[in-house]
Protein backbone atom coordinates (compact mmCIF):
# COMPACT_ATOMS: atom_id res chain seq x y z
CA MET A 1 -9.97 -12.14 -5.45
CA SER A 2 -7.25 -9.62 -6.22
CA LEU A 3 -6.47 -6.96 -3.66
CA SER A 4 -5.19 -3.42 -4.17
CA VAL A 5 -3.87 -1.23 -1.35
CA ILE A 6 -3.98 2.56 -1.77
CA ILE A 7 -1.70 4.71 0.39
CA PRO A 8 -2.03 8.50 0.16
CA VAL A 9 1.04 10.36 1.49
CA LYS A 10 2.45 13.85 1.79
CA ASN A 11 5.97 14.53 3.07
CA ARG A 12 6.20 11.46 5.33
CA PRO A 13 8.85 9.11 3.88
CA GLU A 14 9.81 7.27 7.08
CA PRO A 15 6.33 6.13 8.13
CA LEU A 16 5.48 5.39 4.49
CA ALA A 17 8.52 3.10 4.20
CA ARG A 18 7.40 1.18 7.29
CA ALA A 19 3.83 0.89 5.98
CA VAL A 20 4.99 -0.44 2.60
CA ASP A 21 7.44 -2.81 4.29
CA SER A 22 4.59 -4.23 6.39
CA LEU A 23 2.57 -4.84 3.21
CA LEU A 24 5.48 -6.61 1.55
CA GLY A 25 5.96 -8.78 4.64
CA GLN A 26 2.42 -10.17 4.57
CA THR A 27 1.84 -13.94 4.51
CA THR A 28 -0.28 -13.22 1.40
CA PRO A 29 0.73 -9.80 0.07
CA PRO A 30 -1.59 -7.65 -2.03
CA GLU A 31 -1.36 -7.93 -5.82
CA GLU A 32 -1.04 -4.17 -6.17
CA ILE A 33 0.19 -1.28 -4.04
CA ILE A 34 -0.73 2.23 -5.16
CA VAL A 35 1.05 5.15 -3.51
CA VAL A 36 -0.47 8.57 -4.21
CA ASP A 37 2.22 11.09 -3.26
CA GLN A 38 1.26 14.74 -2.84
CA SER A 39 4.75 15.81 -1.71
CA GLU A 40 6.79 18.56 -3.32
CA HIS A 41 9.99 16.47 -3.17
CA ASP A 42 10.91 12.86 -3.98
CA GLY A 43 11.80 11.61 -0.48
CA CYS A 44 8.73 9.38 -0.29
CA ARG A 45 9.46 7.85 -3.68
CA ARG A 46 13.06 7.09 -2.69
CA ALA A 47 11.85 5.50 0.55
CA VAL A 48 9.40 3.22 -1.28
CA GLU A 49 12.02 2.24 -3.86
CA ALA A 50 14.46 1.25 -1.12
CA VAL A 51 11.87 -0.95 0.59
CA PHE A 52 10.91 -2.64 -2.69
CA LEU A 53 14.51 -3.31 -3.64
CA ARG A 54 15.09 -5.21 -0.39
CA ARG A 55 12.61 -7.86 -1.58
CA PRO A 56 13.26 -10.45 -4.30
CA ALA A 57 11.68 -9.40 -7.61
CA GLU A 58 9.43 -12.48 -7.73
CA LYS A 59 7.91 -11.55 -4.34
CA ARG A 60 7.09 -7.94 -5.19
CA PRO A 61 3.52 -6.96 -6.03
CA VAL A 62 2.80 -4.42 -8.74
CA LEU A 63 3.68 -0.93 -7.57
CA LEU A 64 1.95 2.08 -9.07
CA TYR A 65 3.47 5.32 -7.81
CA VAL A 66 1.54 8.49 -8.58
CA HIS A 67 3.43 11.69 -7.75
CA ASP A 68 1.32 14.81 -8.12
CA PRO A 69 1.71 17.73 -5.69
CA SER A 70 -1.41 19.36 -7.16
CA ILE A 71 -3.66 16.72 -5.56
CA GLU A 72 -5.24 18.41 -2.57
CA GLY A 73 -6.29 16.32 0.40
CA LEU A 74 -6.77 12.77 1.56
CA THR A 75 -10.08 12.16 -0.20
CA ALA A 76 -8.78 13.42 -3.54
CA ALA A 77 -5.68 11.23 -3.21
CA ARG A 78 -7.79 8.18 -2.38
CA ASN A 79 -9.98 8.86 -5.41
CA VAL A 80 -6.91 9.10 -7.66
CA GLY A 81 -5.72 5.72 -6.36
CA LEU A 82 -9.15 4.14 -6.71
CA ALA A 83 -9.42 5.29 -10.34
CA ARG A 84 -6.14 3.46 -11.09
CA SER A 85 -6.70 0.31 -9.03
CA LEU A 86 -7.38 -3.08 -10.58
CA GLY A 87 -8.21 -5.12 -7.48
CA SER A 88 -11.64 -6.57 -6.79
CA ILE A 89 -10.94 -5.62 -3.16
CA VAL A 90 -9.58 -2.14 -2.45
CA VAL A 91 -8.02 -1.28 0.91
CA TYR A 92 -7.18 2.27 1.97
CA CYS A 93 -4.11 2.32 4.18
CA ASP A 94 -2.76 5.31 6.10
CA ASP A 95 0.86 6.21 5.43
CA ASP A 96 1.77 5.29 9.02
CA ALA A 97 -0.19 2.01 9.28
CA GLU A 98 1.81 -1.14 9.87
CA LEU A 99 -0.14 -4.32 9.32
CA GLU A 100 0.28 -7.48 11.33
CA GLN A 101 1.86 -10.20 9.19
CA ASN A 102 -1.46 -11.96 8.55
CA GLY A 103 -3.57 -8.79 8.16
CA ILE A 104 -4.21 -9.11 4.42
CA ALA A 105 -4.83 -12.88 4.71
CA SER A 106 -7.42 -12.24 7.43
CA LEU A 107 -9.13 -9.63 5.31
CA ARG A 108 -9.22 -11.99 2.30
CA GLN A 109 -10.83 -14.68 4.48
CA VAL A 110 -13.56 -12.27 5.55
CA PHE A 111 -14.31 -11.39 1.94
CA ALA A 112 -14.21 -15.05 0.84
CA ARG A 113 -16.67 -16.10 3.55
CA GLN A 114 -18.99 -13.25 2.71
CA SER A 115 -18.92 -13.84 -1.05
CA ARG A 116 -19.77 -17.55 -0.52
CA SER A 117 -22.81 -16.60 1.54
CA GLY A 118 -23.99 -14.14 -1.11
CA GLY A 119 -24.40 -11.33 1.41
CA ARG A 120 -23.19 -7.77 1.55
CA LEU A 121 -20.05 -6.87 3.41
CA ARG A 122 -19.18 -3.94 5.58
CA CYS A 123 -15.81 -4.55 7.06
CA HIS A 124 -13.91 -2.75 9.77
CA HIS A 125 -10.85 -4.81 10.55
CA GLN A 126 -8.02 -3.90 12.93
CA LEU A 127 -4.92 -4.46 10.82
CA HIS A 128 -2.15 -2.19 12.03
CA ARG A 129 0.10 -1.68 15.00
CA ALA A 130 2.21 1.28 16.06
CA SER A 131 5.96 1.03 15.61
CA ALA A 132 8.95 3.33 15.60
CA LYS A 133 11.40 1.30 13.52
CA PRO A 134 13.74 3.43 11.39
CA ALA A 135 13.57 3.26 7.60
CA THR A 136 16.48 3.37 5.17
CA PRO A 137 15.48 5.18 1.95
CA ARG A 138 17.52 5.50 -1.28
CA ALA A 139 17.62 3.33 -4.38
CA PRO A 140 17.17 3.61 -8.14
CA ILE A 141 13.94 2.70 -9.91
CA PHE A 142 13.89 -1.02 -10.61
CA PRO A 143 12.51 -2.85 -13.69
CA GLY A 144 8.93 -4.03 -13.74
CA THR A 145 7.55 -1.20 -11.65
CA VAL A 146 5.04 1.30 -12.92
CA PHE A 147 5.92 4.85 -11.92
């Protein structure tokens, strides 16, 4: 089961960098991260690029970065991400959510158990923790990333 994470953001590069870093640090990271940026400036994009560049290329999931200031609101941004996602599981993540290291693995286990039993799944899973770690944005676009 492939997993896509959609993160809507507007003018919040520091928390976004921490959220993306927590996704990249998962024991089983998602196959795809989609950031839907409604900001007027490119600070969020630079923050995400910096976080991605700190990881080895072979350990990076696909990144789809959609920058469109004309998108209005959280629901619209989520819908834009959903329309572009490829995962059989889609997770909406707030731009300030930091997942525990096994958060995605735990979520996959829940879906795997449920799919084996043939039942429906409604899942509310506590995956994030608050943190105030500083982020360090700034890097060029790297090969293999969809922007």
